Amino acid sequence: MAILNGIVIALLVVSALILIVTILLQPGESNGLGAIAGGAETFFGKNKAKSMEGKLALATKVSAVVFIVCGLLVAVLG
């Protein structure tokens, strides 16, 4: 069980670091006054899943799920 606990803790640390980096790399959501008039929606907003922002959002979601699962496993195993 000690080996499994070590592996889960290592995954927890790696997922925490990935989570921190992906959150810090994401751009802010402040659109300024353009959001009031609806100017925030551009061509790039429609293809957001294929852009770097979409990939960062997906990586953030995946690393958050891994972090939570590893945290729960550490609590159960430890």
C-alpha atoms as a PDB file:
ATOM      1  CA  MET A   1       0.000   0.000   0.000  1.00  0.00           C
ATOM      2  CA  ALA A   2       2.932   2.338   0.569  1.00  0.00           C
ATOM      3  CA  ILE A   3       3.902   2.152  -3.100  1.00  0.00           C
ATOM      4  CA  LEU A   4       0.342   2.908  -4.217  1.00  0.00           C
ATOM      5  CA  ASN A   5       0.147   5.801  -1.772  1.00  0.00           C
ATOM      6  CA  GLY A   6       3.438   7.186  -3.127  1.00  0.00           C
ATOM      7  CA  ILE A   7       2.213   6.939  -6.710  1.00  0.00           C
ATOM      8  CA  VAL A   8      -1.042   8.714  -5.861  1.00  0.00           C
ATOM      9  CA  ILE A   9       0.816  11.479  -4.006  1.00  0.00           C
ATOM     10  CA  ALA A  10       3.159  11.930  -6.976  1.00  0.00           C
ATOM     11  CA  LEU A  11       0.146  12.205  -9.313  1.00  0.00           C
ATOM     12  CA  LEU A  12      -1.408  14.696  -6.896  1.00  0.00           C
ATOM     13  CA  VAL A  13       1.675  16.914  -6.978  1.00  0.00           C
ATOM     14  CA  VAL A  14       2.006  16.732 -10.776  1.00  0.00           C
ATOM     15  CA  SER A  15      -1.677  17.485 -11.323  1.00  0.00           C
ATOM     16  CA  ALA A  16      -1.453  20.409  -8.876  1.00  0.00           C
ATOM     17  CA  LEU A  17       1.468  21.895 -10.797  1.00  0.00           C
ATOM     18  CA  ILE A  18      -0.298  21.416 -14.130  1.00  0.00           C
ATOM     19  CA  LEU A  19      -3.437  22.985 -12.673  1.00  0.00           C
ATOM     20  CA  ILE A  20      -1.503  26.024 -11.455  1.00  0.00           C
ATOM     21  CA  VAL A  21       0.276  26.518 -14.784  1.00  0.00           C
ATOM     22  CA  THR A  22      -2.849  26.122 -16.926  1.00  0.00           C
ATOM     23  CA  ILE A  23      -4.820  28.565 -14.778  1.00  0.00           C
ATOM     24  CA  LEU A  24      -2.053  31.152 -14.903  1.00  0.00           C
ATOM     25  CA  LEU A  25      -1.687  30.854 -18.689  1.00  0.00           C
ATOM     26  CA  GLN A  26      -5.356  31.501 -19.402  1.00  0.00           C
ATOM     27  CA  PRO A  27      -6.231  35.028 -20.522  1.00  0.00           C
ATOM     28  CA  GLY A  28      -8.591  37.198 -18.509  1.00  0.00           C
ATOM     29  CA  GLU A  29     -12.263  37.342 -19.317  1.00  0.00           C
ATOM     30  CA  SER A  30     -12.511  41.127 -19.155  1.00  0.00           C
ATOM     31  CA  ASN A  31     -13.702  42.334 -22.523  1.00  0.00           C
ATOM     32  CA  GLY A  32     -14.043  45.997 -21.648  1.00  0.00           C
ATOM     33  CA  LEU A  33     -16.816  48.062 -23.155  1.00  0.00           C
ATOM     34  CA  GLY A  34     -17.016  45.820 -26.204  1.00  0.00           C
ATOM     35  CA  ALA A  35     -18.910  43.228 -24.178  1.00  0.00           C
ATOM     36  CA  ILE A  36     -21.765  45.683 -23.575  1.00  0.00           C
ATOM     37  CA  ALA A  37     -22.475  46.130 -27.277  1.00  0.00           C
ATOM     38  CA  GLY A  38     -21.938  42.465 -28.108  1.00  0.00           C
ATOM     39  CA  GLY A  39     -18.593  43.035 -29.784  1.00  0.00           C
ATOM     40  CA  ALA A  40     -16.891  40.361 -27.721  1.00  0.00           C
ATOM     41  CA  GLU A  41     -18.183  37.561 -29.937  1.00  0.00           C
ATOM     42  CA  THR A  42     -15.757  37.284 -32.825  1.00  0.00           C
ATOM     43  CA  PHE A  43     -14.811  34.626 -35.322  1.00  0.00           C
ATOM     44  CA  PHE A  44     -12.274  33.199 -32.896  1.00  0.00           C
ATOM     45  CA  GLY A  45     -14.933  32.855 -30.200  1.00  0.00           C
ATOM     46  CA  LYS A  46     -16.861  30.420 -32.382  1.00  0.00           C
ATOM     47  CA  ASN A  47     -13.855  28.111 -32.825  1.00  0.00           C
ATOM     48  CA  LYS A  48     -12.735  28.349 -29.218  1.00  0.00           C
ATOM     49  CA  ALA A  49     -12.356  24.589 -28.727  1.00  0.00           C
ATOM     50  CA  LYS A  50      -9.643  24.425 -31.400  1.00  0.00           C
ATOM     51  CA  SER A  51      -7.708  27.426 -30.147  1.00  0.00           C
ATOM     52  CA  MET A  52      -5.046  27.563 -27.465  1.00  0.00           C
ATOM     53  CA  GLU A  53      -7.632  28.913 -25.009  1.00  0.00           C
ATOM     54  CA  GLY A  54      -9.818  25.874 -25.577  1.00  0.00           C
ATOM     55  CA  LYS A  55      -6.909  23.506 -25.077  1.00  0.00           C
ATOM     56  CA  LEU A  56      -5.919  25.284 -21.858  1.00  0.00           C
ATOM     57  CA  ALA A  57      -9.498  25.087 -20.595  1.00  0.00           C
ATOM     58  CA  LEU A  58      -9.625  21.371 -21.339  1.00  0.00           C
ATOM     59  CA  ALA A  59      -6.267  20.785 -19.651  1.00  0.00           C
ATOM     60  CA  THR A  60      -7.501  22.728 -16.621  1.00  0.00           C
ATOM     61  CA  LYS A  61     -10.646  20.621 -16.365  1.00  0.00           C
ATOM     62  CA  VAL A  62      -8.774  17.329 -16.745  1.00  0.00           C
ATOM     63  CA  SER A  63      -6.078  18.252 -14.238  1.00  0.00           C
ATOM     64  CA  ALA A  64      -8.726  19.456 -11.764  1.00  0.00           C
ATOM     65  CA  VAL A  65     -10.543  16.120 -11.975  1.00  0.00           C
ATOM     66  CA  VAL A  66      -7.273  14.195 -11.538  1.00  0.00           C
ATOM     67  CA  PHE A  67      -6.361  16.431  -8.589  1.00  0.00           C
ATOM     68  CA  ILE A  68      -9.685  15.839  -6.843  1.00  0.00           C
ATOM     69  CA  VAL A  69      -9.622  12.082  -7.426  1.00  0.00           C
ATOM     70  CA  CYS A  70      -6.025  11.816  -6.196  1.00  0.00           C
ATOM     71  CA  GLY A  71      -6.876  13.924  -3.141  1.00  0.00           C
ATOM     72  CA  LEU A  72      -9.735  11.608  -2.278  1.00  0.00           C
ATOM     73  CA  LEU A  73      -7.538   8.553  -2.800  1.00  0.00           C
ATOM     74  CA  VAL A  74      -4.865   9.968  -0.503  1.00  0.00           C
ATOM     75  CA  ALA A  75      -7.518  10.569   2.149  1.00  0.00           C
ATOM     76  CA  VAL A  76      -8.849   7.010   1.827  1.00  0.00           C
ATOM     77  CA  LEU A  77      -5.452   5.270   1.605  1.00  0.00           C
ATOM     78  CA  GLY A  78      -3.604   7.437   4.102  1.00  0.00           C
END
